[in-house]
Amino acid sequence: MITDLLMILLVVFIAFLFWQQRRQSELAHKAIARHCEQLDLQLLSVSLLRYQLRLPDGRFQFHSLYQFEFSARGDDYYQGRAIMIGFKVAKFMLPPYRIVEND
């Protein structure tokens, strides 16, 4: 009886974690797309890279690291990263890229 209850709670907890991860992934994709649009870049793809405990500045905090590919001119591509803490983007990291000049 107790083991059945614990198994049900475990399944519910795993489903909750999956649902929260999907929600975070959708919010990350929207935030990255918005950031690329503001910089006049074409977003190519977004993926979850990994979960980490330590931020790049050395502080301990659980966060998700998303990797995304973007294009500046249409015939090139670059890889950037975004750090998500909870449901908010903490930082975007983009490499130097060529800027398209509009005449």
PDB file of N, CA and C in Angstrom:
ATOM      1  N   MET A   1       0.829  -1.192   0.000  1.00  0.00           N
ATOM      2  CA  MET A   1       0.000   0.000   0.000  1.00  0.00           C
ATOM      3  C   MET A   1       0.872   1.253   0.000  1.00  0.00           C
ATOM      4  N   ILE A   2       1.820   1.327   0.933  1.00  0.00           N
ATOM      5  CA  ILE A   2       2.713   2.485   1.011  1.00  0.00           C
ATOM      6  C   ILE A   2       3.629   2.528  -0.213  1.00  0.00           C
ATOM      7  N   THR A   3       4.099   1.362  -0.654  1.00  0.00           N
ATOM      8  CA  THR A   3       4.976   1.352  -1.829  1.00  0.00           C
ATOM      9  C   THR A   3       4.233   1.826  -3.071  1.00  0.00           C
ATOM     10  N   ASP A   4       2.944   1.479  -3.181  1.00  0.00           N
ATOM     11  CA  ASP A   4       2.145   1.959  -4.310  1.00  0.00           C
ATOM     12  C   ASP A   4       2.023   3.484  -4.281  1.00  0.00           C
ATOM     13  N   LEU A   5       1.791   4.029  -3.108  1.00  0.00           N
ATOM     14  CA  LEU A   5       1.678   5.475  -2.954  1.00  0.00           C
ATOM     15  C   LEU A   5       2.998   6.163  -3.302  1.00  0.00           C
ATOM     16  N   LEU A   6       4.111   5.601  -2.839  1.00  0.00           N
ATOM     17  CA  LEU A   6       5.415   6.170  -3.149  1.00  0.00           C
ATOM     18  C   LEU A   6       5.727   6.099  -4.644  1.00  0.00           C
ATOM     19  N   MET A   7       5.350   5.021  -5.278  1.00  0.00           N
ATOM     20  CA  MET A   7       5.560   4.892  -6.730  1.00  0.00           C
ATOM     21  C   MET A   7       4.731   5.928  -7.488  1.00  0.00           C
ATOM     22  N   ILE A   8       3.490   6.134  -7.080  1.00  0.00           N
ATOM     23  CA  ILE A   8       2.637   7.137  -7.722  1.00  0.00           C
ATOM     24  C   ILE A   8       3.228   8.529  -7.533  1.00  0.00           C
ATOM     25  N   LEU A   9       3.698   8.830  -6.326  1.00  0.00           N
ATOM     26  CA  LEU A   9       4.324  10.127  -6.070  1.00  0.00           C
ATOM     27  C   LEU A   9       5.600  10.307  -6.899  1.00  0.00           C
ATOM     28  N   LEU A  10       6.376   9.252  -7.051  1.00  0.00           N
ATOM     29  CA  LEU A  10       7.582   9.324  -7.861  1.00  0.00           C
ATOM     30  C   LEU A  10       7.243   9.597  -9.329  1.00  0.00           C
ATOM     31  N   VAL A  11       6.246   8.925  -9.853  1.00  0.00           N
ATOM     32  CA  VAL A  11       5.831   9.144 -11.244  1.00  0.00           C
ATOM     33  C   VAL A  11       5.315  10.568 -11.428  1.00  0.00           C
ATOM     34  N   VAL A  12       4.528  11.066 -10.487  1.00  0.00           N
ATOM     35  CA  VAL A  12       4.023  12.439 -10.558  1.00  0.00           C
ATOM     36  C   VAL A  12       5.177  13.435 -10.499  1.00  0.00           C
ATOM     37  N   PHE A  13       6.153  13.191  -9.645  1.00  0.00           N
ATOM     38  CA  PHE A  13       7.301  14.086  -9.521  1.00  0.00           C
ATOM     39  C   PHE A  13       8.120  14.113 -10.812  1.00  0.00           C
ATOM     40  N   ILE A  14       8.343  12.963 -11.421  1.00  0.00           N
ATOM     41  CA  ILE A  14       9.088  12.899 -12.680  1.00  0.00           C
ATOM     42  C   ILE A  14       8.316  13.613 -13.787  1.00  0.00           C
ATOM     43  N   ALA A  15       7.005  13.436 -13.835  1.00  0.00           N
ATOM     44  CA  ALA A  15       6.186  14.137 -14.832  1.00  0.00           C
ATOM     45  C   ALA A  15       6.245  15.649 -14.615  1.00  0.00           C
ATOM     46  N   PHE A  16       6.235  16.076 -13.356  1.00  0.00           N
ATOM     47  CA  PHE A  16       6.339  17.503 -13.044  1.00  0.00           C
ATOM     48  C   PHE A  16       7.676  18.076 -13.502  1.00  0.00           C
ATOM     49  N   LEU A  17       8.774  17.360 -13.251  1.00  0.00           N
ATOM     50  CA  LEU A  17      10.092  17.811 -13.692  1.00  0.00           C
ATOM     51  C   LEU A  17      10.165  17.906 -15.214  1.00  0.00           C
ATOM     52  N   PHE A  18       9.612  16.925 -15.904  1.00  0.00           N
ATOM     53  CA  PHE A  18       9.596  16.950 -17.365  1.00  0.00           C
ATOM     54  C   PHE A  18       8.797  18.148 -17.872  1.00  0.00           C
ATOM     55  N   TRP A  19       7.638  18.402 -17.269  1.00  0.00           N
ATOM     56  CA  TRP A  19       6.792  19.520 -17.674  1.00  0.00           C
ATOM     57  C   TRP A  19       7.516  20.850 -17.445  1.00  0.00           C
ATOM     58  N   GLN A  20       8.198  20.996 -16.328  1.00  0.00           N
ATOM     59  CA  GLN A  20       8.926  22.234 -16.047  1.00  0.00           C
ATOM     60  C   GLN A  20      10.098  22.422 -17.019  1.00  0.00           C
ATOM     61  N   GLN A  21      10.770  21.340 -17.363  1.00  0.00           N
ATOM     62  CA  GLN A  21      11.881  21.439 -18.304  1.00  0.00           C
ATOM     63  C   GLN A  21      11.377  21.842 -19.681  1.00  0.00           C
ATOM     64  N   ARG A  22      10.243  21.319 -20.100  1.00  0.00           N
ATOM     65  CA  ARG A  22       9.655  21.696 -21.393  1.00  0.00           C
ATOM     66  C   ARG A  22       9.257  23.170 -21.379  1.00  0.00           C
ATOM     67  N   ARG A  23       8.694  23.624 -20.280  1.00  0.00           N
ATOM     68  CA  ARG A  23       8.302  25.032 -20.163  1.00  0.00           C
ATOM     69  C   ARG A  23       9.535  25.936 -20.245  1.00  0.00           C
ATOM     70  N   GLN A  24      10.603  25.564 -19.547  1.00  0.00           N
ATOM     71  CA  GLN A  24      11.828  26.346 -19.585  1.00  0.00           C
ATOM     72  C   GLN A  24      12.419  26.353 -21.000  1.00  0.00           C
ATOM     73  N   SER A  25      12.366  25.236 -21.679  1.00  0.00           N
ATOM     74  CA  SER A  25      12.898  25.146 -23.030  1.00  0.00           C
ATOM     75  C   SER A  25      12.130  26.056 -23.989  1.00  0.00           C
ATOM     76  N   GLU A  26      10.819  26.094 -23.865  1.00  0.00           N
ATOM     77  CA  GLU A  26      10.010  26.972 -24.715  1.00  0.00           C
ATOM     78  C   GLU A  26      10.301  28.439 -24.420  1.00  0.00           C
ATOM     79  N   LEU A  27      10.437  28.799 -23.158  1.00  0.00           N
ATOM     80  CA  LEU A  27      10.754  30.177 -22.799  1.00  0.00           C
ATOM     81  C   LEU A  27      12.148  30.566 -23.280  1.00  0.00           C
ATOM     82  N   ALA A  28      13.097  29.646 -23.204  1.00  0.00           N
ATOM     83  CA  ALA A  28      14.452  29.915 -23.694  1.00  0.00           C
ATOM     84  C   ALA A  28      14.434  30.153 -25.197  1.00  0.00           C
ATOM     85  N   HIS A  29      13.690  29.336 -25.924  1.00  0.00           N
ATOM     86  CA  HIS A  29      13.616  29.496 -27.375  1.00  0.00           C
ATOM     87  C   HIS A  29      13.020  30.865 -27.732  1.00  0.00           C
ATOM     88  N   LYS A  30      11.970  31.270 -27.046  1.00  0.00           N
ATOM     89  CA  LYS A  30      11.351  32.576 -27.313  1.00  0.00           C
ATOM     90  C   LYS A  30      12.303  33.725 -26.978  1.00  0.00           C
ATOM     91  N   ALA A  31      13.003  33.622 -25.862  1.00  0.00           N
ATOM     92  CA  ALA A  31      13.925  34.684 -25.462  1.00  0.00           C
ATOM     93  C   ALA A  31      15.104  34.785 -26.429  1.00  0.00           C
ATOM     94  N   ILE A  32      15.628  33.653 -26.863  1.00  0.00           N
ATOM     95  CA  ILE A  32      16.748  33.656 -27.807  1.00  0.00           C
ATOM     96  C   ILE A  32      16.285  34.214 -29.149  1.00  0.00           C
ATOM     97  N   ALA A  33      15.093  33.816 -29.591  1.00  0.00           N
ATOM     98  CA  ALA A  33      14.564  34.348 -30.855  1.00  0.00           C
ATOM     99  C   ALA A  33      14.371  35.860 -30.769  1.00  0.00           C
ATOM    100  N   ARG A  34      13.883  36.345 -29.649  1.00  0.00           N
ATOM    101  CA  ARG A  34      13.686  37.791 -29.459  1.00  0.00           C
ATOM    102  C   ARG A  34      15.026  38.521 -29.470  1.00  0.00           C
ATOM    103  N   HIS A  35      16.023  37.940 -28.809  1.00  0.00           N
ATOM    104  CA  HIS A  35      17.351  38.557 -28.764  1.00  0.00           C
ATOM    105  C   HIS A  35      17.971  38.616 -30.163  1.00  0.00           C
ATOM    106  N   CYS A  36      17.848  37.537 -30.928  1.00  0.00           N
ATOM    107  CA  CYS A  36      18.381  37.518 -32.292  1.00  0.00           C
ATOM    108  C   CYS A  36      17.644  38.520 -33.178  1.00  0.00           C
ATOM    109  N   GLU A  37      16.358  38.646 -32.990  1.00  0.00           N
ATOM    110  CA  GLU A  37      15.582  39.614 -33.774  1.00  0.00           C
ATOM    111  C   GLU A  37      16.028  41.044 -33.460  1.00  0.00           C
ATOM    112  N   GLN A  38      16.302  41.340 -32.199  1.00  0.00           N
ATOM    113  CA  GLN A  38      16.766  42.675 -31.816  1.00  0.00           C
ATOM    114  C   GLN A  38      18.122  42.992 -32.437  1.00  0.00           C
ATOM    115  N   LEU A  39      18.966  41.982 -32.594  1.00  0.00           N
ATOM    116  CA  LEU A  39      20.292  42.174 -33.178  1.00  0.00           C
ATOM    117  C   LEU A  39      20.284  41.994 -34.691  1.00  0.00           C
ATOM    118  N   ASP A  40      19.118  41.782 -35.284  1.00  0.00           N
ATOM    119  CA  ASP A  40      18.946  41.564 -36.718  1.00  0.00           C
ATOM    120  C   ASP A  40      19.732  40.344 -37.193  1.00  0.00           C
ATOM    121  N   LEU A  41      19.589  39.244 -36.444  1.00  0.00           N
ATOM    122  CA  LEU A  41      20.233  37.981 -36.775  1.00  0.00           C
ATOM    123  C   LEU A  41      19.165  36.942 -37.097  1.00  0.00           C
ATOM    124  N   GLN A  42      19.541  35.967 -37.895  1.00  0.00           N
ATOM    125  CA  GLN A  42      18.633  34.881 -38.228  1.00  0.00           C
ATOM    126  C   GLN A  42      18.926  33.698 -37.310  1.00  0.00           C
ATOM    127  N   LEU A  43      17.924  33.279 -36.535  1.00  0.00           N
ATOM    128  CA  LEU A  43      18.076  32.139 -35.631  1.00  0.00           C
ATOM    129  C   LEU A  43      17.930  30.855 -36.431  1.00  0.00           C
ATOM    130  N   LEU A  44      18.887  29.942 -36.264  1.00  0.00           N
ATOM    131  CA  LEU A  44      18.869  28.680 -37.001  1.00  0.00           C
ATOM    132  C   LEU A  44      18.394  27.515 -36.147  1.00  0.00           C
ATOM    133  N   SER A  45      18.912  27.391 -34.931  1.00  0.00           N
ATOM    134  CA  SER A  45      18.493  26.281 -34.072  1.00  0.00           C
ATOM    135  C   SER A  45      18.799  26.605 -32.615  1.00  0.00           C
ATOM    136  N   VAL A  46      18.069  25.928 -31.724  1.00  0.00           N
ATOM    137  CA  VAL A  46      18.252  26.069 -30.278  1.00  0.00           C
ATOM    138  C   VAL A  46      18.235  24.674 -29.675  1.00  0.00           C
ATOM    139  N   SER A  47      19.164  24.419 -28.751  1.00  0.00           N
ATOM    140  CA  SER A  47      19.169  23.124 -28.066  1.00  0.00           C
ATOM    141  C   SER A  47      19.699  23.281 -26.650  1.00  0.00           C
ATOM    142  N   LEU A  48      19.247  22.391 -25.784  1.00  0.00           N
ATOM    143  CA  LEU A  48      19.741  22.353 -24.412  1.00  0.00           C
ATOM    144  C   LEU A  48      21.101  21.685 -24.435  1.00  0.00           C
ATOM    145  N   LEU A  49      22.105  22.388 -23.937  1.00  0.00           N
ATOM    146  CA  LEU A  49      23.459  21.841 -23.930  1.00  0.00           C
ATOM    147  C   LEU A  49      23.684  20.970 -22.697  1.00  0.00           C
ATOM    148  N   ARG A  50      23.440  21.547 -21.510  1.00  0.00           N
ATOM    149  CA  ARG A  50      23.607  20.767 -20.274  1.00  0.00           C
ATOM    150  C   ARG A  50      23.105  21.576 -19.078  1.00  0.00           C
ATOM    151  N   TYR A  51      23.006  20.885 -17.950  1.00  0.00           N
ATOM    152  CA  TYR A  51      22.715  21.523 -16.671  1.00  0.00           C
ATOM    153  C   TYR A  51      24.036  21.666 -15.927  1.00  0.00           C
ATOM    154  N   GLN A  52      24.187  22.761 -15.194  1.00  0.00           N
ATOM    155  CA  GLN A  52      25.411  22.975 -14.445  1.00  0.00           C
ATOM    156  C   GLN A  52      25.088  23.529 -13.069  1.00  0.00           C
ATOM    157  N   LEU A  53      26.047  23.387 -12.164  1.00  0.00           N
ATOM    158  CA  LEU A  53      25.903  23.932 -10.814  1.00  0.00           C
ATOM    159  C   LEU A  53      26.685  25.231 -10.622  1.00  0.00           C
ATOM    160  N   ARG A  54      27.711  25.454 -11.417  1.00  0.00           N
ATOM    161  CA  ARG A  54      28.560  26.636 -11.230  1.00  0.00           C
ATOM    162  C   ARG A  54      28.426  27.567 -12.435  1.00  0.00           C
ATOM    163  N   LEU A  55      28.150  28.838 -12.156  1.00  0.00           N
ATOM    164  CA  LEU A  55      28.057  29.863 -13.193  1.00  0.00           C
ATOM    165  C   LEU A  55      29.448  30.208 -13.711  1.00  0.00           C
ATOM    166  N   PRO A  56      29.553  30.820 -14.899  1.00  0.00           N
ATOM    167  CA  PRO A  56      30.878  31.187 -15.421  1.00  0.00           C
ATOM    168  C   PRO A  56      31.666  32.117 -14.502  1.00  0.00           C
ATOM    169  N   ASP A  57      30.994  32.912 -13.670  1.00  0.00           N
ATOM    170  CA  ASP A  57      31.716  33.806 -12.760  1.00  0.00           C
ATOM    171  C   ASP A  57      32.157  33.117 -11.468  1.00  0.00           C
ATOM    172  N   GLY A  58      31.882  31.817 -11.325  1.00  0.00           N
ATOM    173  CA  GLY A  58      32.357  31.052 -10.185  1.00  0.00           C
ATOM    174  C   GLY A  58      31.338  30.817  -9.089  1.00  0.00           C
ATOM    175  N   ARG A  59      30.199  31.503  -9.137  1.00  0.00           N
ATOM    176  CA  ARG A  59      29.180  31.302  -8.095  1.00  0.00           C
ATOM    177  C   ARG A  59      28.478  29.962  -8.301  1.00  0.00           C
ATOM    178  N   PHE A  60      28.060  29.355  -7.195  1.00  0.00           N
ATOM    179  CA  PHE A  60      27.306  28.107  -7.262  1.00  0.00           C
ATOM    180  C   PHE A  60      25.829  28.417  -7.390  1.00  0.00           C
ATOM    181  N   GLN A  61      25.246  28.012  -8.511  1.00  0.00           N
ATOM    182  CA  GLN A  61      23.809  28.150  -8.723  1.00  0.00           C
ATOM    183  C   GLN A  61      23.412  27.196  -9.846  1.00  0.00           C
ATOM    184  N   PHE A  62      22.363  26.434  -9.615  1.00  0.00           N
ATOM    185  CA  PHE A  62      21.894  25.491 -10.621  1.00  0.00           C
ATOM    186  C   PHE A  62      21.302  26.268 -11.792  1.00  0.00           C
ATOM    187  N   HIS A  63      21.732  25.945 -13.005  1.00  0.00           N
ATOM    188  CA  HIS A  63      21.230  26.635 -14.184  1.00  0.00           C
ATOM    189  C   HIS A  63      21.298  25.708 -15.397  1.00  0.00           C
ATOM    190  N   SER A  64      20.627  26.136 -16.453  1.00  0.00           N
ATOM    191  CA  SER A  64      20.630  25.404 -17.716  1.00  0.00           C
ATOM    192  C   SER A  64      21.403  26.206 -18.741  1.00  0.00           C
ATOM    193  N   LEU A  65      22.167  25.514 -19.553  1.00  0.00           N
ATOM    194  CA  LEU A  65      22.947  26.155 -20.593  1.00  0.00           C
ATOM    195  C   LEU A  65      22.376  25.735 -21.948  1.00  0.00           C
ATOM    196  N   TYR A  66      21.913  26.730 -22.706  1.00  0.00           N
ATOM    197  CA  TYR A  66      21.345  26.480 -24.029  1.00  0.00           C
ATOM    198  C   TYR A  66      22.329  26.952 -25.091  1.00  0.00           C
ATOM    199  N   GLN A  67      22.454  26.177 -26.142  1.00  0.00           N
ATOM    200  CA  GLN A  67      23.305  26.551 -27.262  1.00  0.00           C
ATOM    201  C   GLN A  67      22.402  26.852 -28.448  1.00  0.00           C
ATOM    202  N   PHE A  68      22.728  27.899 -29.189  1.00  0.00           N
ATOM    203  CA  PHE A  68      21.937  28.230 -30.362  1.00  0.00           C
ATOM    204  C   PHE A  68      22.849  28.634 -31.508  1.00  0.00           C
ATOM    205  N   GLU A  69      22.373  28.406 -32.707  1.00  0.00           N
ATOM    206  CA  GLU A  69      23.106  28.779 -33.904  1.00  0.00           C
ATOM    207  C   GLU A  69      22.368  29.915 -34.583  1.00  0.00           C
ATOM    208  N   PHE A  70      23.127  30.874 -35.088  1.00  0.00           N
ATOM    209  CA  PHE A  70      22.520  32.007 -35.768  1.00  0.00           C
ATOM    210  C   PHE A  70      23.374  32.392 -36.959  1.00  0.00           C
ATOM    211  N   SER A  71      22.772  33.168 -37.854  1.00  0.00           N
ATOM    212  CA  SER A  71      23.454  33.641 -39.038  1.00  0.00           C
ATOM    213  C   SER A  71      23.312  35.147 -39.117  1.00  0.00           C
ATOM    214  N   ALA A  72      24.376  35.809 -39.528  1.00  0.00           N
ATOM    215  CA  ALA A  72      24.339  37.260 -39.659  1.00  0.00           C
ATOM    216  C   ALA A  72      24.053  37.676 -41.099  1.00  0.00           C
ATOM    217  N   ARG A  73      24.596  36.937 -42.070  1.00  0.00           N
ATOM    218  CA  ARG A  73      24.436  37.314 -43.470  1.00  0.00           C
ATOM    219  C   ARG A  73      23.622  36.314 -44.270  1.00  0.00           C
ATOM    220  N   GLY A  74      23.372  35.161 -43.728  1.00  0.00           N
ATOM    221  CA  GLY A  74      22.615  34.149 -44.448  1.00  0.00           C
ATOM    222  C   GLY A  74      23.484  33.044 -45.017  1.00  0.00           C
ATOM    223  N   ASP A  75      24.757  33.305 -45.218  1.00  0.00           N
ATOM    224  CA  ASP A  75      25.648  32.278 -45.752  1.00  0.00           C
ATOM    225  C   ASP A  75      26.713  31.844 -44.738  1.00  0.00           C
ATOM    226  N   ASP A  76      26.547  32.256 -43.502  1.00  0.00           N
ATOM    227  CA  ASP A  76      27.467  31.890 -42.444  1.00  0.00           C
ATOM    228  C   ASP A  76      26.662  31.451 -41.226  1.00  0.00           C
ATOM    229  N   TYR A  77      27.344  30.877 -40.257  1.00  0.00           N
ATOM    230  CA  TYR A  77      26.652  30.572 -39.000  1.00  0.00           C
ATOM    231  C   TYR A  77      27.627  30.635 -37.847  1.00  0.00           C
ATOM    232  N   TYR A  78      27.083  30.980 -36.704  1.00  0.00           N
ATOM    233  CA  TYR A  78      27.852  31.113 -35.479  1.00  0.00           C
ATOM    234  C   TYR A  78      27.084  30.408 -34.362  1.00  0.00           C
ATOM    235  N   GLN A  79      27.801  30.058 -33.299  1.00  0.00           N
ATOM    236  CA  GLN A  79      27.169  29.421 -32.149  1.00  0.00           C
ATOM    237  C   GLN A  79      27.244  30.351 -30.948  1.00  0.00           C
ATOM    238  N   GLY A  80      26.101  30.563 -30.328  1.00  0.00           N
ATOM    239  CA  GLY A  80      26.030  31.351 -29.113  1.00  0.00           C
ATOM    240  C   GLY A  80      25.483  30.498 -27.989  1.00  0.00           C
ATOM    241  N   ARG A  81      25.514  31.049 -26.792  1.00  0.00           N
ATOM    242  CA  ARG A  81      24.986  30.334 -25.629  1.00  0.00           C
ATOM    243  C   ARG A  81      24.150  31.271 -24.785  1.00  0.00           C
ATOM    244  N   ALA A  82      23.203  30.686 -24.087  1.00  0.00           N
ATOM    245  CA  ALA A  82      22.353  31.440 -23.170  1.00  0.00           C
ATOM    246  C   ALA A  82      22.260  30.671 -21.864  1.00  0.00           C
ATOM    247  N   ILE A  83      22.357  31.391 -20.762  1.00  0.00           N
ATOM    248  CA  ILE A  83      22.230  30.789 -19.438  1.00  0.00           C
ATOM    249  C   ILE A  83      20.841  31.086 -18.909  1.00  0.00           C
ATOM    250  N   MET A  84      20.128  30.036 -18.552  1.00  0.00           N
ATOM    251  CA  MET A  84      18.786  30.168 -17.975  1.00  0.00           C
ATOM    252  C   MET A  84      18.850  29.780 -16.503  1.00  0.00           C
ATOM    253  N   ILE A  85      18.426  30.700 -15.644  1.00  0.00           N
ATOM    254  CA  ILE A  85      18.277  30.406 -14.222  1.00  0.00           C
ATOM    255  C   ILE A  85      16.786  30.425 -13.954  1.00  0.00           C
ATOM    256  N   GLY A  86      16.247  29.268 -13.677  1.00  0.00           N
ATOM    257  CA  GLY A  86      14.796  29.171 -13.528  1.00  0.00           C
ATOM    258  C   GLY A  86      14.142  29.389 -14.881  1.00  0.00           C
ATOM    259  N   PHE A  87      13.240  30.361 -14.951  1.00  0.00           N
ATOM    260  CA  PHE A  87      12.541  30.647 -16.199  1.00  0.00           C
ATOM    261  C   PHE A  87      12.981  31.977 -16.803  1.00  0.00           C
ATOM    262  N   LYS A  88      14.145  32.464 -16.424  1.00  0.00           N
ATOM    263  CA  LYS A  88      14.647  33.739 -16.942  1.00  0.00           C
ATOM    264  C   LYS A  88      16.045  33.565 -17.514  1.00  0.00           C
ATOM    265  N   VAL A  89      16.301  34.289 -18.584  1.00  0.00           N
ATOM    266  CA  VAL A  89      17.642  34.274 -19.175  1.00  0.00           C
ATOM    267  C   VAL A  89      18.542  35.181 -18.347  1.00  0.00           C
ATOM    268  N   ALA A  90      19.632  34.640 -17.868  1.00  0.00           N
ATOM    269  CA  ALA A  90      20.570  35.417 -17.058  1.00  0.00           C
ATOM    270  C   ALA A  90      21.626  36.087 -17.927  1.00  0.00           C
ATOM    271  N   LYS A  91      22.011  35.411 -19.024  1.00  0.00           N
ATOM    272  CA  LYS A  91      23.089  35.966 -19.835  1.00  0.00           C
ATOM    273  C   LYS A  91      23.083  35.349 -21.223  1.00  0.00           C
ATOM    274  N   PHE A  92      23.362  36.192 -22.224  1.00  0.00           N
ATOM    275  CA  PHE A  92      23.597  35.733 -23.586  1.00  0.00           C
ATOM    276  C   PHE A  92      25.090  35.850 -23.861  1.00  0.00           C
ATOM    277  N   MET A  93      25.651  34.863 -24.523  1.00  0.00           N
ATOM    278  CA  MET A  93      27.061  34.887 -24.900  1.00  0.00           C
ATOM    279  C   MET A  93      27.156  34.628 -26.399  1.00  0.00           C
ATOM    280  N   LEU A  94      27.509  35.648 -27.152  1.00  0.00           N
ATOM    281  CA  LEU A  94      27.627  35.544 -28.598  1.00  0.00           C
ATOM    282  C   LEU A  94      29.070  35.813 -29.010  1.00  0.00           C
ATOM    283  N   PRO A  95      29.570  35.055 -29.978  1.00  0.00           N
ATOM    284  CA  PRO A  95      30.930  35.317 -30.473  1.00  0.00           C
ATOM    285  C   PRO A  95      30.901  36.535 -31.404  1.00  0.00           C
ATOM    286  N   PRO A  96      32.045  37.097 -31.723  1.00  0.00           N
ATOM    287  CA  PRO A  96      32.074  38.182 -32.702  1.00  0.00           C
ATOM    288  C   PRO A  96      31.552  37.679 -34.051  1.00  0.00           C
ATOM    289  N   TYR A  97      30.746  38.466 -34.711  1.00  0.00           N
ATOM    290  CA  TYR A  97      30.175  38.074 -35.992  1.00  0.00           C
ATOM    291  C   TYR A  97      30.173  39.275 -36.933  1.00  0.00           C
ATOM    292  N   ARG A  98      30.071  38.998 -38.218  1.00  0.00           N
ATOM    293  CA  ARG A  98      30.049  40.071 -39.216  1.00  0.00           C
ATOM    294  C   ARG A  98      28.697  40.767 -39.190  1.00  0.00           C
ATOM    295  N   ILE A  99      28.743  42.066 -39.282  1.00  0.00           N
ATOM    296  CA  ILE A  99      27.519  42.852 -39.291  1.00  0.00           C
ATOM    297  C   ILE A  99      27.138  43.143 -40.733  1.00  0.00           C
ATOM    298  N   VAL A 100      25.879  42.933 -41.038  1.00  0.00           N
ATOM    299  CA  VAL A 100      25.385  43.189 -42.383  1.00  0.00           C
ATOM    300  C   VAL A 100      25.113  44.682 -42.519  1.00  0.00           C
ATOM    301  N   GLU A 101      25.654  45.273 -43.564  1.00  0.00           N
ATOM    302  CA  GLU A 101      25.434  46.692 -43.800  1.00  0.00           C
ATOM    303  C   GLU A 101      24.284  46.851 -44.767  1.00  0.00           C
ATOM    304  N   ASN A 102      23.245  47.559 -44.339  1.00  0.00           N
ATOM    305  CA  ASN A 102      22.090  47.823 -45.186  1.00  0.00           C
ATOM    306  C   ASN A 102      22.261  49.179 -45.849  1.00  0.00           C
ATOM    307  N   ASP A 103      22.209  49.191 -47.171  1.00  0.00           N
ATOM    308  CA  ASP A 103      22.360  50.462 -47.896  1.00  0.00           C
ATOM    309  C   ASP A 103      21.030  51.084 -48.180  1.00  0.00           C
TER     310      ASP A 103
END
